[in-house]
C-alpha atoms as a PDB file:
ATOM      1  CA  UNK A   1     -62.599  25.876  30.181  1.00  0.00           C
ATOM      2  CA  UNK A   2     -64.049  25.211  34.199  1.00  0.00           C
ATOM      3  CA  UNK A   3     -62.956  28.058  36.152  1.00  0.00           C
ATOM      4  CA  UNK A   4     -60.969  28.001  39.714  1.00  0.00           C
ATOM      5  CA  UNK A   5     -64.779  28.313  41.427  1.00  0.00           C
ATOM      6  CA  UNK A   6     -66.496  25.606  39.910  1.00  0.00           C
ATOM      7  CA  UNK A   7     -63.322  23.431  40.710  1.00  0.00           C
ATOM      8  CA  UNK A   8     -63.422  24.320  44.277  1.00  0.00           C
ATOM      9  CA  UNK A   9     -66.990  23.310  44.634  1.00  0.00           C
ATOM     10  CA  UNK A  10     -66.418  20.195  43.077  1.00  0.00           C
ATOM     11  CA  UNK A  11     -63.707  19.441  45.760  1.00  0.00           C
ATOM     12  CA  UNK A  12     -65.452  20.896  48.573  1.00  0.00           C
ATOM     13  CA  UNK A  13     -68.854  18.931  47.415  1.00  0.00           C
ATOM     14  CA  UNK A  14     -66.833  15.557  47.227  1.00  0.00           C
ATOM     15  CA  UNK A  15     -64.626  15.943  50.281  1.00  0.00           C
ATOM     16  CA  UNK A  16     -67.985  16.912  52.707  1.00  0.00           C
ATOM     17  CA  UNK A  17     -69.397  13.919  51.052  1.00  0.00           C
ATOM     18  CA  UNK A  18     -66.832  11.651  52.316  1.00  0.00           C
ATOM     19  CA  UNK A  19     -66.690  12.827  55.586  1.00  0.00           C
ATOM     20  CA  UNK A  20     -70.242  12.702  56.024  1.00  0.00           C
ATOM     21  CA  UNK A  21     -70.644   8.978  54.799  1.00  0.00           C
ATOM     22  CA  UNK A  22     -68.415   7.407  57.453  1.00  0.00           C
ATOM     23  CA  UNK A  23     -71.305   7.534  59.974  1.00  0.00           C
ATOM     24  CA  UNK A  24     -73.885   7.288  57.744  1.00  0.00           C
ATOM     25  CA  UNK A  25     -76.470   4.776  57.529  1.00  0.00           C
ATOM     26  CA  UNK A  26     -76.039   2.174  54.262  1.00  0.00           C
ATOM     27  CA  UNK A  27     -79.805   3.561  52.209  1.00  0.00           C
ATOM     28  CA  UNK A  28     -77.916   7.179  53.088  1.00  0.00           C
ATOM     29  CA  UNK A  29     -74.727   5.736  51.175  1.00  0.00           C
ATOM     30  CA  UNK A  30     -76.338   4.435  48.478  1.00  0.00           C
ATOM     31  CA  UNK A  31     -77.833   7.711  48.020  1.00  0.00           C
ATOM     32  CA  UNK A  32     -74.813   9.752  48.252  1.00  0.00           C
ATOM     33  CA  UNK A  33     -73.476   7.501  45.847  1.00  0.00           C
ATOM     34  CA  UNK A  34     -76.010   7.736  42.969  1.00  0.00           C
ATOM     35  CA  UNK A  35     -75.607  11.248  43.740  1.00  0.00           C
ATOM     36  CA  UNK A  36     -71.705  11.270  43.260  1.00  0.00           C
ATOM     37  CA  UNK A  37     -72.276   9.671  40.038  1.00  0.00           C
ATOM     38  CA  UNK A  38     -75.427  11.825  38.901  1.00  0.00           C
ATOM     39  CA  UNK A  39     -73.105  14.351  39.641  1.00  0.00           C
ATOM     40  CA  UNK A  40     -70.394  12.880  37.509  1.00  0.00           C
ATOM     41  CA  UNK A  41     -71.988  11.652  34.383  1.00  0.00           C
ATOM     42  CA  UNK A  42     -73.360  15.506  34.273  1.00  0.00           C
ATOM     43  CA  UNK A  43     -69.937  17.150  34.579  1.00  0.00           C
ATOM     44  CA  UNK A  44     -68.740  14.983  31.621  1.00  0.00           C
ATOM     45  CA  UNK A  45     -71.864  15.712  29.615  1.00  0.00           C
ATOM     46  CA  UNK A  46     -71.171  19.591  30.399  1.00  0.00           C
ATOM     47  CA  UNK A  47     -67.704  19.686  28.952  1.00  0.00           C
ATOM     48  CA  UNK A  48     -66.585  20.484  32.389  1.00  0.00           C
ATOM     49  CA  UNK A  49     -64.096  17.683  32.368  1.00  0.00           C
ATOM     50  CA  UNK A  50     -61.434  18.742  34.741  1.00  0.00           C
ATOM     51  CA  UNK A  51     -64.078  19.001  37.300  1.00  0.00           C
ATOM     52  CA  UNK A  52     -65.052  15.502  36.335  1.00  0.00           C
ATOM     53  CA  UNK A  53     -61.615  13.930  37.212  1.00  0.00           C
ATOM     54  CA  UNK A  54     -61.420  15.981  40.443  1.00  0.00           C
ATOM     55  CA  UNK A  55     -64.490  14.066  41.230  1.00  0.00           C
ATOM     56  CA  UNK A  56     -64.324  10.863  39.485  1.00  0.00           C
ATOM     57  CA  UNK A  57     -60.551  10.496  41.734  1.00  0.00           C
ATOM     58  CA  UNK A  58     -62.572  11.373  44.779  1.00  0.00           C
ATOM     59  CA  UNK A  59     -65.608   8.780  43.628  1.00  0.00           C
ATOM     60  CA  UNK A  60     -63.033   5.632  43.089  1.00  0.00           C
ATOM     61  CA  UNK A  61     -60.974   6.242  46.461  1.00  0.00           C
ATOM     62  CA  UNK A  62     -64.394   6.336  48.154  1.00  0.00           C
ATOM     63  CA  UNK A  63     -65.771   3.076  45.899  1.00  0.00           C
ATOM     64  CA  UNK A  64     -62.434   1.736  44.099  1.00  0.00           C
ATOM     65  CA  UNK A  65     -64.882  -1.461  42.823  1.00  0.00           C
ATOM     66  CA  UNK A  66     -67.137   0.747  41.347  1.00  0.00           C
ATOM     67  CA  UNK A  67     -67.071   0.056  37.904  1.00  0.00           C
ATOM     68  CA  UNK A  68     -68.923   2.535  36.585  1.00  0.00           C
ATOM     69  CA  UNK A  69     -67.307   5.480  38.539  1.00  0.00           C
ATOM     70  CA  UNK A  70     -63.867   3.866  36.754  1.00  0.00           C
ATOM     71  CA  UNK A  71     -65.461   4.126  33.418  1.00  0.00           C
ATOM     72  CA  UNK A  72     -66.652   7.412  34.191  1.00  0.00           C
ATOM     73  CA  UNK A  73     -63.357   8.575  34.859  1.00  0.00           C
ATOM     74  CA  UNK A  74     -61.249   7.246  32.079  1.00  0.00           C
ATOM     75  CA  UNK A  75     -63.953   9.748  29.586  1.00  0.00           C
ATOM     76  CA  UNK A  76     -62.682  12.229  31.722  1.00  0.00           C
ATOM     77  CA  UNK A  77     -58.998  11.629  31.956  1.00  0.00           C
ATOM     78  CA  UNK A  78     -60.038  10.841  27.776  1.00  0.00           C
ATOM     79  CA  UNK A  79     -61.220  14.614  27.283  1.00  0.00           C
ATOM     80  CA  UNK A  80     -58.665  16.100  28.880  1.00  0.00           C
ATOM     81  CA  UNK A  81     -56.144  14.458  26.703  1.00  0.00           C
ATOM     82  CA  UNK A  82     -54.592  12.309  29.377  1.00  0.00           C
ATOM     83  CA  UNK A  83     -54.342   8.972  27.508  1.00  0.00           C
ATOM     84  CA  UNK A  84     -52.214   7.163  29.768  1.00  0.00           C
ATOM     85  CA  UNK A  85     -54.666   7.602  32.741  1.00  0.00           C
ATOM     86  CA  UNK A  86     -57.806   7.008  30.958  1.00  0.00           C
ATOM     87  CA  UNK A  87     -56.198   3.598  29.397  1.00  0.00           C
ATOM     88  CA  UNK A  88     -55.592   2.915  33.272  1.00  0.00           C
ATOM     89  CA  UNK A  89     -58.863   3.939  34.445  1.00  0.00           C
ATOM     90  CA  UNK A  90     -61.216   1.894  31.816  1.00  0.00           C
ATOM     91  CA  UNK A  91     -58.676  -1.386  31.759  1.00  0.00           C
ATOM     92  CA  UNK A  92     -60.069  -1.318  35.512  1.00  0.00           C
ATOM     93  CA  UNK A  93     -63.500  -1.062  34.925  1.00  0.00           C
ATOM     94  CA  UNK A  94     -63.336  -3.715  32.274  1.00  0.00           C
ATOM     95  CA  UNK A  95     -61.886  -5.597  34.620  1.00  0.00           C
ATOM     96  CA  UNK A  96     -64.701  -4.706  36.981  1.00  0.00           C
ATOM     97  CA  UNK A  97     -67.210  -5.174  34.933  1.00  0.00           C
ATOM     98  CA  UNK A  98     -65.992  -7.185  31.445  1.00  0.00           C
ATOM     99  CA  UNK A  99     -69.912  -7.540  30.085  1.00  0.00           C
ATOM    100  CA  UNK A 100     -69.807  -3.477  29.604  1.00  0.00           C
ATOM    101  CA  UNK A 101     -70.435  -2.904  26.019  1.00  0.00           C
ATOM    102  CA  UNK A 102     -69.782   0.808  26.643  1.00  0.00           C
ATOM    103  CA  UNK A 103     -66.691   0.012  28.516  1.00  0.00           C
ATOM    104  CA  UNK A 104     -64.909  -1.836  25.931  1.00  0.00           C
ATOM    105  CA  UNK A 105     -65.979   0.711  22.994  1.00  0.00           C
ATOM    106  CA  UNK A 106     -64.256   3.998  24.842  1.00  0.00           C
ATOM    107  CA  UNK A 107     -61.299   1.695  25.598  1.00  0.00           C
ATOM    108  CA  UNK A 108     -61.264   1.157  21.863  1.00  0.00           C
ATOM    109  CA  UNK A 109     -60.955   5.153  21.404  1.00  0.00           C
ATOM    110  CA  UNK A 110     -58.211   5.315  23.865  1.00  0.00           C
ATOM    111  CA  UNK A 111     -56.469   2.846  21.645  1.00  0.00           C
ATOM    112  CA  UNK A 112     -57.307   4.080  18.212  1.00  0.00           C
ATOM    113  CA  UNK A 113     -56.167   7.686  19.624  1.00  0.00           C
ATOM    114  CA  UNK A 114     -52.677   6.128  20.152  1.00  0.00           C
ATOM    115  CA  UNK A 115     -52.596   4.702  16.918  1.00  0.00           C
ATOM    116  CA  UNK A 116     -53.034   0.658  18.629  1.00  0.00           C
ATOM    117  CA  UNK A 117     -55.100  -0.422  15.862  1.00  0.00           C
ATOM    118  CA  UNK A 118     -54.959  -4.292  16.921  1.00  0.00           C
ATOM    119  CA  UNK A 119     -55.954  -3.345  20.575  1.00  0.00           C
ATOM    120  CA  UNK A 120     -58.435  -0.773  19.446  1.00  0.00           C
ATOM    121  CA  UNK A 121     -59.606  -3.661  17.200  1.00  0.00           C
ATOM    122  CA  UNK A 122     -59.633  -6.417  20.239  1.00  0.00           C
ATOM    123  CA  UNK A 123     -62.061  -3.636  22.558  1.00  0.00           C
ATOM    124  CA  UNK A 124     -64.389  -3.087  19.471  1.00  0.00           C
ATOM    125  CA  UNK A 125     -65.062  -6.782  18.494  1.00  0.00           C
ATOM    126  CA  UNK A 126     -65.693  -7.543  22.569  1.00  0.00           C
ATOM    127  CA  UNK A 127     -68.324  -4.429  22.512  1.00  0.00           C
ATOM    128  CA  UNK A 128     -69.729  -5.852  19.326  1.00  0.00           C
ATOM    129  CA  UNK A 129     -69.972  -9.134  20.791  1.00  0.00           C
ATOM    130  CA  UNK A 130     -71.998  -7.684  23.379  1.00  0.00           C
ATOM    131  CA  UNK A 131     -73.841  -5.165  21.042  1.00  0.00           C
ATOM    132  CA  UNK A 132     -74.162  -6.522  17.937  1.00  0.00           C
ATOM    133  CA  UNK A 133     -76.609  -3.692  16.565  1.00  0.00           C
ATOM    134  CA  UNK A 134     -73.837  -0.689  17.751  1.00  0.00           C
ATOM    135  CA  UNK A 135     -73.402   0.541  13.704  1.00  0.00           C
ATOM    136  CA  UNK A 136     -70.741   3.141  15.540  1.00  0.00           C
ATOM    137  CA  UNK A 137     -68.323   0.119  16.985  1.00  0.00           C
ATOM    138  CA  UNK A 138     -69.242  -1.534  13.503  1.00  0.00           C
ATOM    139  CA  UNK A 139     -67.657   1.476  11.216  1.00  0.00           C
ATOM    140  CA  UNK A 140     -64.949   2.043  14.028  1.00  0.00           C
ATOM    141  CA  UNK A 141     -63.802  -1.568  13.520  1.00  0.00           C
ATOM    142  CA  UNK A 142     -63.743  -1.725  10.223  1.00  0.00           C
ATOM    143  CA  UNK A 143     -61.235   1.255  10.606  1.00  0.00           C
ATOM    144  CA  UNK A 144     -59.125  -0.391  12.962  1.00  0.00           C
ATOM    145  CA  UNK A 145     -59.103  -3.478  10.162  1.00  0.00           C
ATOM    146  CA  UNK A 146     -58.273  -1.127   7.356  1.00  0.00           C
ATOM    147  CA  UNK A 147     -55.409   0.630   9.650  1.00  0.00           C
ATOM    148  CA  UNK A 148     -53.717  -2.783  10.377  1.00  0.00           C
ATOM    149  CA  UNK A 149     -53.474  -3.839   7.095  1.00  0.00           C
ATOM    150  CA  UNK A 150     -57.284  -5.880   7.022  1.00  0.00           C
ATOM    151  CA  UNK A 151     -59.030  -4.377   4.315  1.00  0.00           C
ATOM    152  CA  UNK A 152     -61.221  -7.275   3.395  1.00  0.00           C
ATOM    153  CA  UNK A 153     -62.636  -7.418   6.783  1.00  0.00           C
ATOM    154  CA  UNK A 154     -62.732  -4.347   6.851  1.00  0.00           C
ATOM    155  CA  UNK A 155     -64.894  -3.966   4.033  1.00  0.00           C
ATOM    156  CA  UNK A 156     -67.263  -6.498   5.135  1.00  0.00           C
ATOM    157  CA  UNK A 157     -67.363  -4.120   8.739  1.00  0.00           C
ATOM    158  CA  UNK A 158     -68.220  -1.501   7.215  1.00  0.00           C
ATOM    159  CA  UNK A 159     -70.838  -3.055   5.101  1.00  0.00           C
ATOM    160  CA  UNK A 160     -72.398  -4.270   7.713  1.00  0.00           C
ATOM    161  CA  UNK A 161     -72.343  -0.796   9.528  1.00  0.00           C
ATOM    162  CA  UNK A 162     -74.784   0.483   6.429  1.00  0.00           C
ATOM    163  CA  UNK A 163     -76.955  -2.353   7.128  1.00  0.00           C
ATOM    164  CA  UNK A 164     -77.441  -0.880  10.135  1.00  0.00           C
ATOM    165  CA  UNK A 165     -77.793   2.446   9.722  1.00  0.00           C
ATOM    166  CA  UNK A 166     -77.884   3.255   6.051  1.00  0.00           C
ATOM    167  CA  UNK A 167     -77.595   6.738   6.986  1.00  0.00           C
ATOM    168  CA  UNK A 168     -74.751   7.064   9.494  1.00  0.00           C
ATOM    169  CA  UNK A 169     -72.677   9.908   8.479  1.00  0.00           C
ATOM    170  CA  UNK A 170     -69.125   8.919   6.612  1.00  0.00           C
ATOM    171  CA  UNK A 171     -70.183   5.374   6.281  1.00  0.00           C
ATOM    172  CA  UNK A 172     -70.482   5.187   2.631  1.00  0.00           C
ATOM    173  CA  UNK A 173     -67.084   7.333   2.337  1.00  0.00           C
ATOM    174  CA  UNK A 174     -65.124   4.639   4.673  1.00  0.00           C
ATOM    175  CA  UNK A 175     -66.390   2.183   2.984  1.00  0.00           C
ATOM    176  CA  UNK A 176     -65.564   4.199  -0.366  1.00  0.00           C
ATOM    177  CA  UNK A 177     -62.191   4.616   1.296  1.00  0.00           C
ATOM    178  CA  UNK A 178     -61.565   0.531   1.822  1.00  0.00           C
ATOM    179  CA  UNK A 179     -61.990  -0.261  -2.105  1.00  0.00           C
ATOM    180  CA  UNK A 180     -60.201   2.301  -2.963  1.00  0.00           C
ATOM    181  CA  UNK A 181     -57.344   1.035  -0.967  1.00  0.00           C
ATOM    182  CA  UNK A 182     -57.812  -2.431  -2.807  1.00  0.00           C
ATOM    183  CA  UNK A 183     -57.508  -0.399  -6.266  1.00  0.00           C
ATOM    184  CA  UNK A 184     -61.544  -1.130  -6.544  1.00  0.00           C
ATOM    185  CA  UNK A 185     -61.433   2.614  -7.892  1.00  0.00           C
ATOM    186  CA  UNK A 186     -65.331   2.399  -9.564  1.00  0.00           C
ATOM    187  CA  UNK A 187     -66.656   0.871  -6.769  1.00  0.00           C
ATOM    188  CA  UNK A 188     -65.059   3.937  -4.395  1.00  0.00           C
ATOM    189  CA  UNK A 189     -66.207   6.158  -6.753  1.00  0.00           C
ATOM    190  CA  UNK A 190     -69.546   4.417  -5.828  1.00  0.00           C
ATOM    191  CA  UNK A 191     -69.330   4.860  -2.731  1.00  0.00           C
ATOM    192  CA  UNK A 192     -68.145   8.431  -2.307  1.00  0.00           C
ATOM    193  CA  UNK A 193     -70.854   9.613  -4.743  1.00  0.00           C
ATOM    194  CA  UNK A 194     -73.618   8.484  -2.500  1.00  0.00           C
ATOM    195  CA  UNK A 195     -72.036   9.515   0.376  1.00  0.00           C
ATOM    196  CA  UNK A 196     -72.123  13.142  -0.993  1.00  0.00           C
ATOM    197  CA  UNK A 197     -75.382  12.303  -2.180  1.00  0.00           C
ATOM    198  CA  UNK A 198     -76.920  11.259   1.842  1.00  0.00           C
ATOM    199  CA  UNK A 199     -74.188  13.732   3.440  1.00  0.00           C
ATOM    200  CA  UNK A 200     -73.690  16.636   1.307  1.00  0.00           C
ATOM    201  CA  UNK A 201     -70.094  18.478   0.548  1.00  0.00           C
ATOM    202  CA  UNK A 202     -67.585  17.441   3.151  1.00  0.00           C
ATOM    203  CA  UNK A 203     -64.068  18.391   1.796  1.00  0.00           C
ATOM    204  CA  UNK A 204     -62.557  15.041   2.720  1.00  0.00           C
ATOM    205  CA  UNK A 205     -65.440  13.295   0.312  1.00  0.00           C
ATOM    206  CA  UNK A 206     -64.726  15.482  -2.459  1.00  0.00           C
ATOM    207  CA  UNK A 207     -61.210  15.328  -1.860  1.00  0.00           C
ATOM    208  CA  UNK A 208     -61.533  11.682  -1.935  1.00  0.00           C
ATOM    209  CA  UNK A 209     -64.011  11.527  -4.902  1.00  0.00           C
ATOM    210  CA  UNK A 210     -61.281  13.808  -6.930  1.00  0.00           C
ATOM    211  CA  UNK A 211     -58.449  11.834  -5.877  1.00  0.00           C
ATOM    212  CA  UNK A 212     -59.949   8.511  -7.240  1.00  0.00           C
ATOM    213  CA  UNK A 213     -61.194  10.282 -10.417  1.00  0.00           C
ATOM    214  CA  UNK A 214     -57.387  10.952 -11.041  1.00  0.00           C
ATOM    215  CA  UNK A 215     -56.433   7.642 -10.260  1.00  0.00           C
ATOM    216  CA  UNK A 216     -58.777   5.836 -12.518  1.00  0.00           C
ATOM    217  CA  UNK A 217     -57.772   8.311 -15.731  1.00  0.00           C
ATOM    218  CA  UNK A 218     -61.306  10.650 -15.816  1.00  0.00           C
ATOM    219  CA  UNK A 219     -59.195  13.542 -15.694  1.00  0.00           C
ATOM    220  CA  UNK A 220     -61.895  16.026 -16.973  1.00  0.00           C
ATOM    221  CA  UNK A 221     -64.234  14.813 -13.958  1.00  0.00           C
ATOM    222  CA  UNK A 222     -61.189  14.832 -11.244  1.00  0.00           C
ATOM    223  CA  UNK A 223     -60.726  18.621 -12.240  1.00  0.00           C
ATOM    224  CA  UNK A 224     -64.273  19.424 -11.440  1.00  0.00           C
ATOM    225  CA  UNK A 225     -64.050  17.892  -7.790  1.00  0.00           C
ATOM    226  CA  UNK A 226     -60.794  18.868  -7.347  1.00  0.00           C
ATOM    227  CA  UNK A 227     -61.437  22.340  -8.221  1.00  0.00           C
ATOM    228  CA  UNK A 228     -64.200  22.615  -5.742  1.00  0.00           C
ATOM    229  CA  UNK A 229     -61.576  20.646  -3.335  1.00  0.00           C
ATOM    230  CA  UNK A 230     -59.617  23.891  -2.970  1.00  0.00           C
ATOM    231  CA  UNK A 231     -62.245  25.772  -2.484  1.00  0.00           C
ATOM    232  CA  UNK A 232     -63.788  24.033   0.629  1.00  0.00           C
ATOM    233  CA  UNK A 233     -60.007  22.836   1.980  1.00  0.00           C
ATOM    234  CA  UNK A 234     -57.459  25.346   0.183  1.00  0.00           C
ATOM    235  CA  UNK A 235     -54.950  25.032   3.037  1.00  0.00           C
ATOM    236  CA  UNK A 236     -54.730  21.115   2.072  1.00  0.00           C
ATOM    237  CA  UNK A 237     -51.467  20.725  -0.181  1.00  0.00           C
ATOM    238  CA  UNK A 238     -52.650  17.390  -1.657  1.00  0.00           C
ATOM    239  CA  UNK A 239     -55.847  18.895  -3.163  1.00  0.00           C
ATOM    240  CA  UNK A 240     -53.806  21.135  -4.917  1.00  0.00           C
ATOM    241  CA  UNK A 241     -50.913  18.802  -5.624  1.00  0.00           C
ATOM    242  CA  UNK A 242     -54.071  16.610  -7.427  1.00  0.00           C
ATOM    243  CA  UNK A 243     -55.656  19.011  -9.027  1.00  0.00           C
ATOM    244  CA  UNK A 244     -52.640  20.301 -10.936  1.00  0.00           C
ATOM    245  CA  UNK A 245     -51.784  16.707 -11.909  1.00  0.00           C
ATOM    246  CA  UNK A 246     -55.304  16.364 -13.226  1.00  0.00           C
ATOM    247  CA  UNK A 247     -54.907  19.515 -15.254  1.00  0.00           C
ATOM    248  CA  UNK A 248     -51.552  18.427 -16.755  1.00  0.00           C
ATOM    249  CA  UNK A 249     -52.751  14.660 -17.692  1.00  0.00           C
ATOM    250  CA  UNK A 250     -55.794  16.727 -19.416  1.00  0.00           C
ATOM    251  CA  UNK A 251     -52.723  18.860 -20.835  1.00  0.00           C
ATOM    252  CA  UNK A 252     -53.990  21.920 -19.374  1.00  0.00           C
ATOM    253  CA  UNK A 253     -50.405  23.418 -18.810  1.00  0.00           C
ATOM    254  CA  UNK A 254     -51.108  26.657 -18.293  1.00  0.00           C
ATOM    255  CA  UNK A 255     -53.858  26.115 -15.419  1.00  0.00           C
ATOM    256  CA  UNK A 256     -51.915  23.080 -13.916  1.00  0.00           C
ATOM    257  CA  UNK A 257     -48.841  25.357 -13.025  1.00  0.00           C
ATOM    258  CA  UNK A 258     -50.423  28.251 -10.371  1.00  0.00           C
ATOM    259  CA  UNK A 259     -52.493  24.662  -8.900  1.00  0.00           C
ATOM    260  CA  UNK A 260     -48.442  23.200  -8.706  1.00  0.00           C
ATOM    261  CA  UNK A 261     -46.869  26.378  -7.314  1.00  0.00           C
ATOM    262  CA  UNK A 262     -49.414  26.142  -4.342  1.00  0.00           C
ATOM    263  CA  UNK A 263     -49.306  22.938  -3.614  1.00  0.00           C
ATOM    264  CA  UNK A 264     -44.815  23.349  -3.416  1.00  0.00           C
ATOM    265  CA  UNK A 265     -45.636  26.748  -1.338  1.00  0.00           C
ATOM    266  CA  UNK A 266     -47.931  24.437   1.428  1.00  0.00           C
ATOM    267  CA  UNK A 267     -45.533  21.726   1.560  1.00  0.00           C
ATOM    268  CA  UNK A 268     -42.093  22.838   0.556  1.00  0.00           C
ATOM    269  CA  UNK A 269     -40.212  19.809   1.435  1.00  0.00           C
ATOM    270  CA  UNK A 270     -42.713  17.300  -0.781  1.00  0.00           C
ATOM    271  CA  UNK A 271     -40.861  16.752  -4.040  1.00  0.00           C
ATOM    272  CA  UNK A 272     -43.867  15.362  -5.809  1.00  0.00           C
ATOM    273  CA  UNK A 273     -45.126  19.341  -7.207  1.00  0.00           C
ATOM    274  CA  UNK A 274     -41.586  20.012  -8.322  1.00  0.00           C
ATOM    275  CA  UNK A 275     -41.355  17.106 -10.071  1.00  0.00           C
ATOM    276  CA  UNK A 276     -44.793  17.802 -11.730  1.00  0.00           C
ATOM    277  CA  UNK A 277     -44.086  21.407 -12.525  1.00  0.00           C
ATOM    278  CA  UNK A 278     -40.582  20.075 -14.816  1.00  0.00           C
ATOM    279  CA  UNK A 279     -43.011  18.319 -16.804  1.00  0.00           C
ATOM    280  CA  UNK A 280     -45.336  21.103 -16.949  1.00  0.00           C
ATOM    281  CA  UNK A 281     -43.030  23.816 -17.772  1.00  0.00           C
ATOM    282  CA  UNK A 282     -41.352  21.225 -20.693  1.00  0.00           C
ATOM    283  CA  UNK A 283     -44.673  21.715 -21.895  1.00  0.00           C
ATOM    284  CA  UNK A 284     -44.896  25.066 -22.222  1.00  0.00           C
ATOM    285  CA  UNK A 285     -41.646  25.841 -23.536  1.00  0.00           C
ATOM    286  CA  UNK A 286     -39.728  26.717 -20.425  1.00  0.00           C
ATOM    287  CA  UNK A 287     -36.909  25.029 -20.040  1.00  0.00           C
ATOM    288  CA  UNK A 288     -34.402  26.472 -17.787  1.00  0.00           C
ATOM    289  CA  UNK A 289     -37.229  26.665 -15.268  1.00  0.00           C
ATOM    290  CA  UNK A 290     -37.919  22.695 -15.897  1.00  0.00           C
ATOM    291  CA  UNK A 291     -34.261  22.143 -15.125  1.00  0.00           C
ATOM    292  CA  UNK A 292     -34.559  24.000 -11.897  1.00  0.00           C
ATOM    293  CA  UNK A 293     -37.500  21.996 -10.802  1.00  0.00           C
ATOM    294  CA  UNK A 294     -35.843  18.522 -11.838  1.00  0.00           C
ATOM    295  CA  UNK A 295     -32.774  19.927  -9.601  1.00  0.00           C
ATOM    296  CA  UNK A 296     -35.447  21.253  -6.736  1.00  0.00           C
ATOM    297  CA  UNK A 297     -37.120  17.830  -6.812  1.00  0.00           C
ATOM    298  CA  UNK A 298     -33.826  15.714  -6.884  1.00  0.00           C
ATOM    299  CA  UNK A 299     -32.361  18.001  -3.759  1.00  0.00           C
ATOM    300  CA  UNK A 300     -36.065  17.057  -1.364  1.00  0.00           C
ATOM    301  CA  UNK A 301     -36.165  13.207  -2.718  1.00  0.00           C
ATOM    302  CA  UNK A 302     -32.500  13.046  -1.498  1.00  0.00           C
ATOM    303  CA  UNK A 303     -33.340  14.977   1.891  1.00  0.00           C
ATOM    304  CA  UNK A 304     -36.345  12.227   2.838  1.00  0.00           C
ATOM    305  CA  UNK A 305     -35.594   9.471   5.236  1.00  0.00           C
ATOM    306  CA  UNK A 306     -34.299   6.476   3.869  1.00  0.00           C
ATOM    307  CA  UNK A 307     -38.092   4.546   5.223  1.00  0.00           C
ATOM    308  CA  UNK A 308     -39.694   7.324   3.210  1.00  0.00           C
ATOM    309  CA  UNK A 309     -39.809   6.267   0.309  1.00  0.00           C
ATOM    310  CA  UNK A 310     -43.346   6.611  -0.825  1.00  0.00           C
ATOM    311  CA  UNK A 311     -43.727   9.888   1.940  1.00  0.00           C
ATOM    312  CA  UNK A 312     -45.847  11.512   0.017  1.00  0.00           C
ATOM    313  CA  UNK A 313     -48.568   8.789  -0.597  1.00  0.00           C
ATOM    314  CA  UNK A 314     -48.091   8.560  -4.300  1.00  0.00           C
ATOM    315  CA  UNK A 315     -46.719   8.648  -7.082  1.00  0.00           C
ATOM    316  CA  UNK A 316     -44.429  11.724  -8.090  1.00  0.00           C
END
């Protein structure tokens, strides 16, 4: 967080420069412009984003056709959460300098934050055309493709990412996720394991691997990873659900029950755990409790919006 003193100093500096440049020679004005640019970048790099917004506003008022000032101001707005202003400034920067790869990339981040994956993909394609070696841009483009139902194209982008940077963090995870979305579970499992080997334990990857093993019918292996997932990510209801389901499918009924109850506790509106609990309780010979769980499942299922028949993103 910036404090009032820093903000006021930035305003004083910007205002003083503004008045001083009115009668300054061209060489001095250029120096002032460079100094302002350096200060603005420094504010962004050190996390003084509100100061950067104030200084950036002064800068674009003074130099309205300077694409870099527009770019930096857009970044500052983005970091403060003002996506509308960030998009406006970055769009203007792109218009002033359409050949800057970084501007297209940062504008893509704004669109992706708004879940506008098609526009985000367009900007990433433009960024990559200008800088084909940007591995992170390829990875983000793959995600944008995946989120706009272009999984095959996404896979190609993830493969390109890994060719450019074999050690990039989450590269194998994203490729595995794309494979899994197409039902290519064995390939997904292989990529998830490679991600763990390269990058170490991450709850996202551990949970995804457990989920893929469960979907592949490898229940014992799934239980191993999903148990670890509950240790790394104890507040995640989905990993508890998957663990309970894997234990049930492995016919470990008594161990499945507490996992499924934890999933229901963490996400009370999800009907899925109650459906699985009903099956488990039947196997444990507790028919009355099973009926109660089936009733709860039906109530929650009915309460789901009509458009959210797959709200849980999985089979019950």
